[in-house]
C-alpha atoms as a PDB file:
ATOM      1  CA  UNK A   1     -40.511  13.091  23.625  1.00  0.00           C
ATOM      2  CA  UNK A   2     -42.887  11.077  25.829  1.00  0.00           C
ATOM      3  CA  UNK A   3     -46.099  12.650  27.995  1.00  0.00           C
ATOM      4  CA  UNK A   4     -46.267  10.995  31.838  1.00  0.00           C
ATOM      5  CA  UNK A   5     -48.135  12.694  33.945  1.00  0.00           C
ATOM      6  CA  UNK A   6     -46.728  16.300  34.623  1.00  0.00           C
ATOM      7  CA  UNK A   7     -43.437  14.895  33.546  1.00  0.00           C
ATOM      8  CA  UNK A   8     -41.493  14.590  29.620  1.00  0.00           C
ATOM      9  CA  UNK A   9     -39.065  11.564  28.560  1.00  0.00           C
ATOM     10  CA  UNK A  10     -37.386  11.536  26.173  1.00  0.00           C
ATOM     11  CA  UNK A  11     -36.945   8.693  25.608  1.00  0.00           C
ATOM     12  CA  UNK A  12     -33.096   6.710  25.243  1.00  0.00           C
ATOM     13  CA  UNK A  13     -31.111   6.537  22.326  1.00  0.00           C
ATOM     14  CA  UNK A  14     -30.840   3.656  20.096  1.00  0.00           C
ATOM     15  CA  UNK A  15     -27.858   1.949  20.753  1.00  0.00           C
ATOM     16  CA  UNK A  16     -26.671   1.978  17.458  1.00  0.00           C
ATOM     17  CA  UNK A  17     -27.657   5.767  17.721  1.00  0.00           C
ATOM     18  CA  UNK A  18     -25.172   6.288  19.582  1.00  0.00           C
ATOM     19  CA  UNK A  19     -22.784   4.018  18.522  1.00  0.00           C
ATOM     20  CA  UNK A  20     -22.472   6.073  15.344  1.00  0.00           C
ATOM     21  CA  UNK A  21     -22.259   9.278  17.051  1.00  0.00           C
ATOM     22  CA  UNK A  22     -19.486   7.718  20.011  1.00  0.00           C
ATOM     23  CA  UNK A  23     -17.459   7.050  16.291  1.00  0.00           C
ATOM     24  CA  UNK A  24     -19.049   9.831  14.806  1.00  0.00           C
ATOM     25  CA  UNK A  25     -16.968  11.977  17.744  1.00  0.00           C
ATOM     26  CA  UNK A  26     -14.401  10.068  18.617  1.00  0.00           C
ATOM     27  CA  UNK A  27     -12.500  10.517  15.131  1.00  0.00           C
ATOM     28  CA  UNK A  28     -13.442  14.597  14.933  1.00  0.00           C
ATOM     29  CA  UNK A  29     -11.153  14.710  17.773  1.00  0.00           C
ATOM     30  CA  UNK A  30      -8.889  12.089  15.939  1.00  0.00           C
ATOM     31  CA  UNK A  31      -9.236  14.470  12.622  1.00  0.00           C
ATOM     32  CA  UNK A  32      -9.124  17.525  14.716  1.00  0.00           C
ATOM     33  CA  UNK A  33      -5.686  16.662  16.271  1.00  0.00           C
ATOM     34  CA  UNK A  34      -4.047  14.929  13.374  1.00  0.00           C
ATOM     35  CA  UNK A  35      -4.539  19.029  12.039  1.00  0.00           C
ATOM     36  CA  UNK A  36      -2.529  20.308  14.379  1.00  0.00           C
ATOM     37  CA  UNK A  37       0.410  17.507  15.316  1.00  0.00           C
ATOM     38  CA  UNK A  38       0.993  17.171  11.149  1.00  0.00           C
ATOM     39  CA  UNK A  39       1.937  20.367   9.652  1.00  0.00           C
ATOM     40  CA  UNK A  40       3.779  20.918  13.362  1.00  0.00           C
ATOM     41  CA  UNK A  41       5.864  17.846  12.058  1.00  0.00           C
ATOM     42  CA  UNK A  42       6.631  18.203   8.998  1.00  0.00           C
ATOM     43  CA  UNK A  43       7.526  21.857   9.678  1.00  0.00           C
ATOM     44  CA  UNK A  44       9.718  19.647  11.866  1.00  0.00           C
ATOM     45  CA  UNK A  45      12.206  19.031   8.692  1.00  0.00           C
ATOM     46  CA  UNK A  46      13.698  21.527   5.368  1.00  0.00           C
ATOM     47  CA  UNK A  47      12.603  19.511   1.815  1.00  0.00           C
ATOM     48  CA  UNK A  48      15.899  17.797   0.889  1.00  0.00           C
ATOM     49  CA  UNK A  49      17.899  18.989  -2.294  1.00  0.00           C
ATOM     50  CA  UNK A  50      17.256  15.922  -5.748  1.00  0.00           C
ATOM     51  CA  UNK A  51      18.126  15.939  -9.627  1.00  0.00           C
ATOM     52  CA  UNK A  52      15.375  16.004 -10.922  1.00  0.00           C
ATOM     53  CA  UNK A  53      13.851  11.924 -12.226  1.00  0.00           C
ATOM     54  CA  UNK A  54      16.700  11.141 -14.760  1.00  0.00           C
ATOM     55  CA  UNK A  55      15.043  10.714 -18.592  1.00  0.00           C
ATOM     56  CA  UNK A  56      13.535   7.568 -19.103  1.00  0.00           C
ATOM     57  CA  UNK A  57      13.002   5.002 -22.610  1.00  0.00           C
ATOM     58  CA  UNK A  58       9.113   3.335 -23.244  1.00  0.00           C
ATOM     59  CA  UNK A  59       9.270   0.419 -20.072  1.00  0.00           C
ATOM     60  CA  UNK A  60      10.050  -1.853 -21.977  1.00  0.00           C
ATOM     61  CA  UNK A  61      11.677  -5.978 -21.798  1.00  0.00           C
ATOM     62  CA  UNK A  62      14.980  -4.600 -24.081  1.00  0.00           C
ATOM     63  CA  UNK A  63      15.509  -1.616 -22.141  1.00  0.00           C
ATOM     64  CA  UNK A  64      14.704  -2.696 -18.452  1.00  0.00           C
ATOM     65  CA  UNK A  65      19.075  -2.467 -18.286  1.00  0.00           C
ATOM     66  CA  UNK A  66      19.536   0.806 -19.785  1.00  0.00           C
ATOM     67  CA  UNK A  67      16.416   2.293 -17.188  1.00  0.00           C
ATOM     68  CA  UNK A  68      18.324   0.605 -13.926  1.00  0.00           C
ATOM     69  CA  UNK A  69      21.841   2.016 -15.013  1.00  0.00           C
ATOM     70  CA  UNK A  70      19.114   5.300 -15.383  1.00  0.00           C
ATOM     71  CA  UNK A  71      18.734   4.810 -12.129  1.00  0.00           C
ATOM     72  CA  UNK A  72      21.215   4.261 -10.479  1.00  0.00           C
ATOM     73  CA  UNK A  73      23.326   6.869 -11.174  1.00  0.00           C
ATOM     74  CA  UNK A  74      21.082   9.045 -10.480  1.00  0.00           C
ATOM     75  CA  UNK A  75      20.033   8.243  -6.627  1.00  0.00           C
ATOM     76  CA  UNK A  76      23.641   8.778  -6.679  1.00  0.00           C
ATOM     77  CA  UNK A  77      23.940  12.380  -7.473  1.00  0.00           C
ATOM     78  CA  UNK A  78      20.868  12.525  -4.961  1.00  0.00           C
ATOM     79  CA  UNK A  79      23.438  10.564  -1.813  1.00  0.00           C
ATOM     80  CA  UNK A  80      26.056  12.914  -2.762  1.00  0.00           C
ATOM     81  CA  UNK A  81      23.540  15.549  -2.591  1.00  0.00           C
ATOM     82  CA  UNK A  82      21.574  14.708   0.194  1.00  0.00           C
ATOM     83  CA  UNK A  83      24.912  14.864   1.851  1.00  0.00           C
ATOM     84  CA  UNK A  84      26.780  18.138   1.141  1.00  0.00           C
ATOM     85  CA  UNK A  85      22.983  19.633   2.123  1.00  0.00           C
ATOM     86  CA  UNK A  86      24.267  17.869   6.129  1.00  0.00           C
ATOM     87  CA  UNK A  87      21.466  14.551   5.457  1.00  0.00           C
ATOM     88  CA  UNK A  88      23.625  11.428   6.205  1.00  0.00           C
ATOM     89  CA  UNK A  89      20.197   9.120   6.946  1.00  0.00           C
ATOM     90  CA  UNK A  90      18.927  10.223   3.779  1.00  0.00           C
ATOM     91  CA  UNK A  91      22.279  10.538   1.923  1.00  0.00           C
ATOM     92  CA  UNK A  92      22.692   6.461   3.193  1.00  0.00           C
ATOM     93  CA  UNK A  93      18.750   5.364   1.925  1.00  0.00           C
ATOM     94  CA  UNK A  94      19.732   7.128  -1.415  1.00  0.00           C
ATOM     95  CA  UNK A  95      23.599   5.180  -1.985  1.00  0.00           C
ATOM     96  CA  UNK A  96      21.753   1.366  -0.772  1.00  0.00           C
ATOM     97  CA  UNK A  97      19.525   2.129  -3.796  1.00  0.00           C
ATOM     98  CA  UNK A  98      21.795   3.261  -5.282  1.00  0.00           C
ATOM     99  CA  UNK A  99      23.693  -0.372  -5.746  1.00  0.00           C
ATOM    100  CA  UNK A 100      24.807  -1.969  -8.353  1.00  0.00           C
ATOM    101  CA  UNK A 101      22.332  -5.736  -7.253  1.00  0.00           C
ATOM    102  CA  UNK A 102      19.800  -2.720  -7.065  1.00  0.00           C
ATOM    103  CA  UNK A 103      16.804  -2.330  -9.926  1.00  0.00           C
ATOM    104  CA  UNK A 104      15.400   0.353  -9.636  1.00  0.00           C
ATOM    105  CA  UNK A 105      12.461   1.453 -11.723  1.00  0.00           C
ATOM    106  CA  UNK A 106      12.007   4.705 -10.912  1.00  0.00           C
ATOM    107  CA  UNK A 107      13.638   7.153  -8.906  1.00  0.00           C
ATOM    108  CA  UNK A 108      12.803  10.318  -7.901  1.00  0.00           C
ATOM    109  CA  UNK A 109      15.062  11.292  -4.283  1.00  0.00           C
ATOM    110  CA  UNK A 110      12.924  14.796  -4.135  1.00  0.00           C
ATOM    111  CA  UNK A 111      10.599  15.665  -0.808  1.00  0.00           C
ATOM    112  CA  UNK A 112       9.780  12.272   0.100  1.00  0.00           C
ATOM    113  CA  UNK A 113      10.699  10.348  -1.575  1.00  0.00           C
ATOM    114  CA  UNK A 114       9.523   7.975  -4.660  1.00  0.00           C
ATOM    115  CA  UNK A 115      11.397   4.565  -6.354  1.00  0.00           C
ATOM    116  CA  UNK A 116      10.200   1.365  -7.989  1.00  0.00           C
ATOM    117  CA  UNK A 117      11.739  -0.652  -7.173  1.00  0.00           C
ATOM    118  CA  UNK A 118      13.096  -4.778  -8.785  1.00  0.00           C
ATOM    119  CA  UNK A 119      13.874  -7.854  -7.229  1.00  0.00           C
ATOM    120  CA  UNK A 120      14.497 -11.215  -9.955  1.00  0.00           C
ATOM    121  CA  UNK A 121      14.095 -10.929 -13.645  1.00  0.00           C
ATOM    122  CA  UNK A 122      11.171  -9.101 -14.527  1.00  0.00           C
ATOM    123  CA  UNK A 123      11.724  -9.725 -18.945  1.00  0.00           C
ATOM    124  CA  UNK A 124      11.451 -12.491 -18.316  1.00  0.00           C
ATOM    125  CA  UNK A 125       8.959 -13.620 -14.699  1.00  0.00           C
ATOM    126  CA  UNK A 126       5.984 -15.578 -15.409  1.00  0.00           C
ATOM    127  CA  UNK A 127       4.531 -13.965 -12.064  1.00  0.00           C
ATOM    128  CA  UNK A 128       4.647 -11.280 -10.595  1.00  0.00           C
ATOM    129  CA  UNK A 129       3.858  -9.283  -7.345  1.00  0.00           C
ATOM    130  CA  UNK A 130       3.437  -5.450  -7.122  1.00  0.00           C
ATOM    131  CA  UNK A 131       3.574  -4.833  -3.333  1.00  0.00           C
ATOM    132  CA  UNK A 132       1.801  -1.378  -2.795  1.00  0.00           C
ATOM    133  CA  UNK A 133       2.815   0.161   0.910  1.00  0.00           C
ATOM    134  CA  UNK A 134       0.967   1.658   3.509  1.00  0.00           C
ATOM    135  CA  UNK A 135       1.301   5.375   5.375  1.00  0.00           C
ATOM    136  CA  UNK A 136       4.376   6.982   7.194  1.00  0.00           C
ATOM    137  CA  UNK A 137       6.719   5.415   3.731  1.00  0.00           C
ATOM    138  CA  UNK A 138       8.891   6.926   2.069  1.00  0.00           C
ATOM    139  CA  UNK A 139      12.577   6.834   0.926  1.00  0.00           C
ATOM    140  CA  UNK A 140      14.210   7.472   4.632  1.00  0.00           C
ATOM    141  CA  UNK A 141      12.117   4.373   5.454  1.00  0.00           C
ATOM    142  CA  UNK A 142      13.249   1.990   2.328  1.00  0.00           C
ATOM    143  CA  UNK A 143      15.039  -0.064   4.089  1.00  0.00           C
ATOM    144  CA  UNK A 144      11.341  -2.249   6.322  1.00  0.00           C
ATOM    145  CA  UNK A 145       9.435  -1.713   2.257  1.00  0.00           C
ATOM    146  CA  UNK A 146      12.238  -3.597   0.996  1.00  0.00           C
ATOM    147  CA  UNK A 147      12.877  -5.850   3.172  1.00  0.00           C
ATOM    148  CA  UNK A 148       9.145  -6.773   2.627  1.00  0.00           C
ATOM    149  CA  UNK A 149       9.952  -7.306  -1.102  1.00  0.00           C
ATOM    150  CA  UNK A 150      12.618  -9.181  -0.230  1.00  0.00           C
ATOM    151  CA  UNK A 151      11.092 -12.283   2.224  1.00  0.00           C
ATOM    152  CA  UNK A 152       8.040 -12.247   0.042  1.00  0.00           C
ATOM    153  CA  UNK A 153      10.522 -12.687  -3.121  1.00  0.00           C
ATOM    154  CA  UNK A 154      12.532 -14.918  -0.886  1.00  0.00           C
ATOM    155  CA  UNK A 155      10.271 -17.164  -0.623  1.00  0.00           C
ATOM    156  CA  UNK A 156       8.500 -17.481  -4.547  1.00  0.00           C
ATOM    157  CA  UNK A 157      11.861 -18.827  -5.778  1.00  0.00           C
ATOM    158  CA  UNK A 158      12.067 -21.177  -2.772  1.00  0.00           C
ATOM    159  CA  UNK A 159       8.011 -22.390  -3.293  1.00  0.00           C
ATOM    160  CA  UNK A 160       7.883 -21.507  -7.236  1.00  0.00           C
ATOM    161  CA  UNK A 161       8.131 -24.990  -9.434  1.00  0.00           C
ATOM    162  CA  UNK A 162      11.200 -25.870 -11.407  1.00  0.00           C
ATOM    163  CA  UNK A 163      11.404 -23.858 -14.261  1.00  0.00           C
ATOM    164  CA  UNK A 164       9.277 -20.381 -13.122  1.00  0.00           C
ATOM    165  CA  UNK A 165      10.327 -17.067 -13.220  1.00  0.00           C
ATOM    166  CA  UNK A 166       8.986 -15.161 -10.242  1.00  0.00           C
ATOM    167  CA  UNK A 167       9.303 -11.051  -9.612  1.00  0.00           C
ATOM    168  CA  UNK A 168       8.650  -9.112  -7.042  1.00  0.00           C
ATOM    169  CA  UNK A 169       8.390  -4.444  -7.888  1.00  0.00           C
ATOM    170  CA  UNK A 170       8.182  -2.751  -4.359  1.00  0.00           C
ATOM    171  CA  UNK A 171       6.539   0.403  -6.350  1.00  0.00           C
ATOM    172  CA  UNK A 172       6.660   3.707  -4.001  1.00  0.00           C
ATOM    173  CA  UNK A 173       5.120   5.636  -6.927  1.00  0.00           C
ATOM    174  CA  UNK A 174       3.121   7.799  -4.655  1.00  0.00           C
ATOM    175  CA  UNK A 175       2.742  10.087  -1.252  1.00  0.00           C
ATOM    176  CA  UNK A 176       1.748   7.972   1.217  1.00  0.00           C
ATOM    177  CA  UNK A 177       0.489  10.073   4.320  1.00  0.00           C
ATOM    178  CA  UNK A 178       2.132  10.230   7.617  1.00  0.00           C
ATOM    179  CA  UNK A 179      -0.227   8.057   9.875  1.00  0.00           C
ATOM    180  CA  UNK A 180      -0.574  11.220  12.312  1.00  0.00           C
ATOM    181  CA  UNK A 181      -2.161  13.611   9.818  1.00  0.00           C
ATOM    182  CA  UNK A 182      -5.680  14.448   8.294  1.00  0.00           C
ATOM    183  CA  UNK A 183      -4.660  12.811   5.411  1.00  0.00           C
ATOM    184  CA  UNK A 184      -4.517   8.956   6.336  1.00  0.00           C
ATOM    185  CA  UNK A 185      -7.853   9.074   7.341  1.00  0.00           C
ATOM    186  CA  UNK A 186      -9.089  10.534   3.687  1.00  0.00           C
ATOM    187  CA  UNK A 187      -9.209   9.427   0.327  1.00  0.00           C
ATOM    188  CA  UNK A 188      -7.363  12.963  -0.734  1.00  0.00           C
ATOM    189  CA  UNK A 189      -4.148  10.341  -1.322  1.00  0.00           C
ATOM    190  CA  UNK A 190      -5.054   7.772  -2.984  1.00  0.00           C
ATOM    191  CA  UNK A 191      -7.337   8.865  -5.583  1.00  0.00           C
ATOM    192  CA  UNK A 192      -4.113  11.186  -6.219  1.00  0.00           C
ATOM    193  CA  UNK A 193      -2.197   7.948  -6.320  1.00  0.00           C
ATOM    194  CA  UNK A 194      -4.672   5.840  -8.331  1.00  0.00           C
ATOM    195  CA  UNK A 195      -4.673   7.125 -12.020  1.00  0.00           C
ATOM    196  CA  UNK A 196      -0.151   6.848 -11.465  1.00  0.00           C
ATOM    197  CA  UNK A 197      -0.668   3.036 -10.429  1.00  0.00           C
ATOM    198  CA  UNK A 198      -2.998   2.034 -13.344  1.00  0.00           C
ATOM    199  CA  UNK A 199      -0.410   3.902 -15.975  1.00  0.00           C
ATOM    200  CA  UNK A 200       2.673   2.127 -14.020  1.00  0.00           C
ATOM    201  CA  UNK A 201       0.579  -1.532 -14.538  1.00  0.00           C
ATOM    202  CA  UNK A 202      -0.103  -1.093 -17.704  1.00  0.00           C
ATOM    203  CA  UNK A 203       3.073  -0.277 -18.787  1.00  0.00           C
ATOM    204  CA  UNK A 204       4.545  -3.506 -16.698  1.00  0.00           C
ATOM    205  CA  UNK A 205       2.215  -5.271 -19.692  1.00  0.00           C
ATOM    206  CA  UNK A 206       4.542  -3.560 -21.854  1.00  0.00           C
ATOM    207  CA  UNK A 207       7.754  -4.462 -20.081  1.00  0.00           C
ATOM    208  CA  UNK A 208       6.516  -8.793 -18.777  1.00  0.00           C
ATOM    209  CA  UNK A 209       5.243 -12.292 -20.597  1.00  0.00           C
ATOM    210  CA  UNK A 210       2.415 -11.760 -22.881  1.00  0.00           C
ATOM    211  CA  UNK A 211       0.768 -13.754 -19.878  1.00  0.00           C
ATOM    212  CA  UNK A 212       2.157 -12.934 -16.852  1.00  0.00           C
ATOM    213  CA  UNK A 213      -0.291 -13.068 -13.591  1.00  0.00           C
ATOM    214  CA  UNK A 214       0.459 -10.309 -11.990  1.00  0.00           C
ATOM    215  CA  UNK A 215      -0.635  -9.150  -8.585  1.00  0.00           C
ATOM    216  CA  UNK A 216      -1.448  -6.896  -5.915  1.00  0.00           C
ATOM    217  CA  UNK A 217      -0.265  -6.852  -3.104  1.00  0.00           C
ATOM    218  CA  UNK A 218      -1.873  -4.049  -0.611  1.00  0.00           C
ATOM    219  CA  UNK A 219      -1.147  -2.897   3.077  1.00  0.00           C
ATOM    220  CA  UNK A 220      -2.173  -1.153   5.074  1.00  0.00           C
ATOM    221  CA  UNK A 221      -3.964   2.263   3.462  1.00  0.00           C
ATOM    222  CA  UNK A 222      -2.582   0.768   0.712  1.00  0.00           C
ATOM    223  CA  UNK A 223      -4.676  -0.786   0.213  1.00  0.00           C
ATOM    224  CA  UNK A 224      -6.748   2.224   0.132  1.00  0.00           C
ATOM    225  CA  UNK A 225      -5.180   2.790  -3.147  1.00  0.00           C
ATOM    226  CA  UNK A 226      -6.021  -0.613  -4.253  1.00  0.00           C
ATOM    227  CA  UNK A 227      -9.372  -0.069  -3.760  1.00  0.00           C
ATOM    228  CA  UNK A 228      -9.628   3.405  -6.053  1.00  0.00           C
ATOM    229  CA  UNK A 229      -6.991   2.337  -9.209  1.00  0.00           C
ATOM    230  CA  UNK A 230      -9.225  -0.586  -9.274  1.00  0.00           C
ATOM    231  CA  UNK A 231     -11.639   0.380 -12.053  1.00  0.00           C
ATOM    232  CA  UNK A 232      -9.501  -0.807 -14.764  1.00  0.00           C
ATOM    233  CA  UNK A 233      -6.827  -1.801 -13.411  1.00  0.00           C
ATOM    234  CA  UNK A 234      -4.704  -4.866 -15.638  1.00  0.00           C
ATOM    235  CA  UNK A 235      -4.092  -7.789 -12.670  1.00  0.00           C
ATOM    236  CA  UNK A 236      -4.806 -10.661 -11.675  1.00  0.00           C
ATOM    237  CA  UNK A 237      -4.907 -10.551  -8.400  1.00  0.00           C
ATOM    238  CA  UNK A 238      -5.273  -7.502  -6.627  1.00  0.00           C
ATOM    239  CA  UNK A 239      -5.083  -8.727  -2.406  1.00  0.00           C
ATOM    240  CA  UNK A 240      -6.064  -7.202   0.867  1.00  0.00           C
ATOM    241  CA  UNK A 241      -4.056  -6.690   4.064  1.00  0.00           C
ATOM    242  CA  UNK A 242      -4.258  -4.830   7.152  1.00  0.00           C
ATOM    243  CA  UNK A 243      -6.587  -2.676   5.892  1.00  0.00           C
ATOM    244  CA  UNK A 244      -8.874   0.316   7.096  1.00  0.00           C
ATOM    245  CA  UNK A 245     -11.065  -0.279   3.969  1.00  0.00           C
ATOM    246  CA  UNK A 246     -10.837   0.486   0.537  1.00  0.00           C
ATOM    247  CA  UNK A 247     -13.515   2.923   0.851  1.00  0.00           C
ATOM    248  CA  UNK A 248     -15.542   0.969  -1.329  1.00  0.00           C
ATOM    249  CA  UNK A 249     -18.912  -1.023   0.285  1.00  0.00           C
ATOM    250  CA  UNK A 250     -18.032  -4.263  -1.408  1.00  0.00           C
ATOM    251  CA  UNK A 251     -15.327  -6.219  -4.096  1.00  0.00           C
ATOM    252  CA  UNK A 252     -18.646  -6.709  -6.415  1.00  0.00           C
ATOM    253  CA  UNK A 253     -18.116  -2.530  -5.438  1.00  0.00           C
ATOM    254  CA  UNK A 254     -14.040  -2.166  -6.907  1.00  0.00           C
ATOM    255  CA  UNK A 255     -15.909  -3.256 -10.413  1.00  0.00           C
ATOM    256  CA  UNK A 256     -12.083  -4.685 -11.675  1.00  0.00           C
ATOM    257  CA  UNK A 257     -12.794  -8.516 -12.535  1.00  0.00           C
ATOM    258  CA  UNK A 258      -9.487  -9.446 -10.973  1.00  0.00           C
ATOM    259  CA  UNK A 259     -10.119 -12.003  -7.282  1.00  0.00           C
ATOM    260  CA  UNK A 260     -10.489 -10.205  -4.560  1.00  0.00           C
ATOM    261  CA  UNK A 261      -8.461 -11.598  -1.249  1.00  0.00           C
ATOM    262  CA  UNK A 262      -8.039  -9.939   1.614  1.00  0.00           C
ATOM    263  CA  UNK A 263      -6.695 -10.769   5.549  1.00  0.00           C
ATOM    264  CA  UNK A 264      -6.167  -9.830   9.306  1.00  0.00           C
ATOM    265  CA  UNK A 265      -4.005 -11.137  11.615  1.00  0.00           C
ATOM    266  CA  UNK A 266      -5.162 -11.471  14.962  1.00  0.00           C
ATOM    267  CA  UNK A 267      -2.388  -8.687  16.606  1.00  0.00           C
ATOM    268  CA  UNK A 268      -3.083  -6.240  14.352  1.00  0.00           C
ATOM    269  CA  UNK A 269      -4.336  -2.989  15.868  1.00  0.00           C
ATOM    270  CA  UNK A 270      -6.287  -1.606  12.746  1.00  0.00           C
ATOM    271  CA  UNK A 271      -8.962  -4.231  13.222  1.00  0.00           C
ATOM    272  CA  UNK A 272      -9.425  -1.400  15.978  1.00  0.00           C
ATOM    273  CA  UNK A 273     -10.643   0.956  13.673  1.00  0.00           C
ATOM    274  CA  UNK A 274     -13.922   1.871  12.725  1.00  0.00           C
ATOM    275  CA  UNK A 275     -15.334   0.787   9.288  1.00  0.00           C
ATOM    276  CA  UNK A 276     -17.525   3.328   8.899  1.00  0.00           C
ATOM    277  CA  UNK A 277     -17.443   6.423   6.819  1.00  0.00           C
ATOM    278  CA  UNK A 278     -19.152  10.183   8.468  1.00  0.00           C
ATOM    279  CA  UNK A 279     -19.186  13.322   6.258  1.00  0.00           C
ATOM    280  CA  UNK A 280     -17.380  15.998   8.366  1.00  0.00           C
ATOM    281  CA  UNK A 281     -16.930  20.058   6.614  1.00  0.00           C
ATOM    282  CA  UNK A 282     -17.530  18.514   3.271  1.00  0.00           C
ATOM    283  CA  UNK A 283     -14.767  15.760   3.455  1.00  0.00           C
ATOM    284  CA  UNK A 284     -14.773  11.602   4.422  1.00  0.00           C
ATOM    285  CA  UNK A 285     -13.650  10.449   7.223  1.00  0.00           C
ATOM    286  CA  UNK A 286     -13.224   6.966   6.432  1.00  0.00           C
ATOM    287  CA  UNK A 287     -13.302   3.679   4.262  1.00  0.00           C
ATOM    288  CA  UNK A 288     -16.537   2.119   4.351  1.00  0.00           C
ATOM    289  CA  UNK A 289     -17.142  -1.907   5.256  1.00  0.00           C
ATOM    290  CA  UNK A 290     -13.927  -3.489   6.857  1.00  0.00           C
ATOM    291  CA  UNK A 291     -12.886  -5.889   4.238  1.00  0.00           C
ATOM    292  CA  UNK A 292     -12.215  -9.227   5.723  1.00  0.00           C
ATOM    293  CA  UNK A 293     -16.132  -9.221   6.630  1.00  0.00           C
ATOM    294  CA  UNK A 294     -18.324 -11.049   4.913  1.00  0.00           C
ATOM    295  CA  UNK A 295     -20.601  -8.120   3.690  1.00  0.00           C
ATOM    296  CA  UNK A 296     -17.541  -7.185   2.037  1.00  0.00           C
ATOM    297  CA  UNK A 297     -16.817 -10.820   0.026  1.00  0.00           C
ATOM    298  CA  UNK A 298     -12.864 -11.234  -0.229  1.00  0.00           C
ATOM    299  CA  UNK A 299     -11.631 -14.393  -0.156  1.00  0.00           C
ATOM    300  CA  UNK A 300     -11.029 -14.149   3.246  1.00  0.00           C
ATOM    301  CA  UNK A 301      -7.825 -15.905   4.104  1.00  0.00           C
ATOM    302  CA  UNK A 302      -4.925 -16.938   6.996  1.00  0.00           C
ATOM    303  CA  UNK A 303      -2.799 -14.330   8.616  1.00  0.00           C
ATOM    304  CA  UNK A 304      -2.753 -16.540  12.028  1.00  0.00           C
ATOM    305  CA  UNK A 305      -1.410 -13.827  14.807  1.00  0.00           C
ATOM    306  CA  UNK A 306       0.620 -11.891  12.568  1.00  0.00           C
ATOM    307  CA  UNK A 307       1.150  -8.177  13.760  1.00  0.00           C
ATOM    308  CA  UNK A 308      -0.340  -4.867  11.532  1.00  0.00           C
ATOM    309  CA  UNK A 309       3.674  -4.612  10.271  1.00  0.00           C
ATOM    310  CA  UNK A 310       4.146  -8.593  10.103  1.00  0.00           C
ATOM    311  CA  UNK A 311       1.979 -10.262   7.118  1.00  0.00           C
ATOM    312  CA  UNK A 312       5.618 -10.399   5.414  1.00  0.00           C
ATOM    313  CA  UNK A 313       7.391 -12.028   8.018  1.00  0.00           C
ATOM    314  CA  UNK A 314       9.763 -15.296   6.810  1.00  0.00           C
ATOM    315  CA  UNK A 315       7.843 -18.391   7.068  1.00  0.00           C
ATOM    316  CA  UNK A 316       4.819 -17.199   8.411  1.00  0.00           C
ATOM    317  CA  UNK A 317       0.887 -18.231   7.309  1.00  0.00           C
ATOM    318  CA  UNK A 318       0.657 -14.924   5.709  1.00  0.00           C
ATOM    319  CA  UNK A 319       3.773 -14.745   4.098  1.00  0.00           C
ATOM    320  CA  UNK A 320       3.120 -18.392   2.840  1.00  0.00           C
ATOM    321  CA  UNK A 321      -0.516 -17.623   1.542  1.00  0.00           C
ATOM    322  CA  UNK A 322       0.473 -14.237  -0.737  1.00  0.00           C
ATOM    323  CA  UNK A 323       2.925 -15.944  -2.319  1.00  0.00           C
ATOM    324  CA  UNK A 324       0.164 -18.903  -3.450  1.00  0.00           C
ATOM    325  CA  UNK A 325      -1.426 -16.278  -4.906  1.00  0.00           C
ATOM    326  CA  UNK A 326       1.154 -14.693  -6.418  1.00  0.00           C
ATOM    327  CA  UNK A 327       1.580 -17.816  -7.895  1.00  0.00           C
ATOM    328  CA  UNK A 328      -1.498 -18.289  -8.845  1.00  0.00           C
ATOM    329  CA  UNK A 329      -1.795 -21.437  -6.561  1.00  0.00           C
ATOM    330  CA  UNK A 330      -5.137 -20.396  -5.344  1.00  0.00           C
ATOM    331  CA  UNK A 331      -5.956 -23.828  -4.449  1.00  0.00           C
ATOM    332  CA  UNK A 332      -3.917 -24.499  -1.587  1.00  0.00           C
ATOM    333  CA  UNK A 333      -4.362 -20.777  -0.004  1.00  0.00           C
ATOM    334  CA  UNK A 334      -5.348 -21.539   3.683  1.00  0.00           C
ATOM    335  CA  UNK A 335      -8.373 -19.801   4.323  1.00  0.00           C
ATOM    336  CA  UNK A 336      -9.650 -17.614   7.774  1.00  0.00           C
END
């Protein structure tokens, strides 16, 4: 405060302080709105019955066929139970995954559901991409996740040098938060998912050629999962697209030997999300430094005008660069 004559004047707040308080108020409002909306939306649909996951052998190159068959059978049973329960949408989603052409490393039809699907010849693949999805991904919306994986696999098979075998894995190995929920603003789900992702990559190494190049392609909230899993994660590249942040202040703070890449399309609404964090009611809300910023220190590549759902669009600059990273053609990646 400053006394001027008989009046006391309060100096205006510094712009940074004002912006910080505005951001905290906005985030708090969103947090409280989600706290009210999420239980209401979650209560609208009862749990869908499904069998317990199939008992699977230890994952190796020689047990892949047995694993695929067991999970297809489990998905078939899940489809029948969902149909009996009166949920034709889930029944159709389960039945699609049970098709003879689908190769599942894992399947769990209970609740929102989880699945890990392989596209390509995993036992002989020299280059493998593992896709980690973001919010609102479940068995009910799995078709769009599969579409992204299929687009990448098609691009890879066209782009790979003669004699190079590739594979893509769609890893829905955790329960992503809903876009409108309190969970989507914190690292809680990512912290729960991280050890499962690390374990999956360890098991994957046992089922693939020793020198296989493994890239994690992480989207939206999936980038938070990859960020939390990064320490000790046996991957060659970690790619962050459409990221709200990783929960780390820099690429170095991820404590991984993997190369860290990041991209955001000019049409992605997530550019409007404040890249900071705040403590509210003992919980940290937000994910810190923007991964495409110079301060973060990732290798930033071109995603052109991709929107939040457009990073795997066939023919896009983003998809081409994701394929180049997967193939280890780092010098060919176009930078932003």
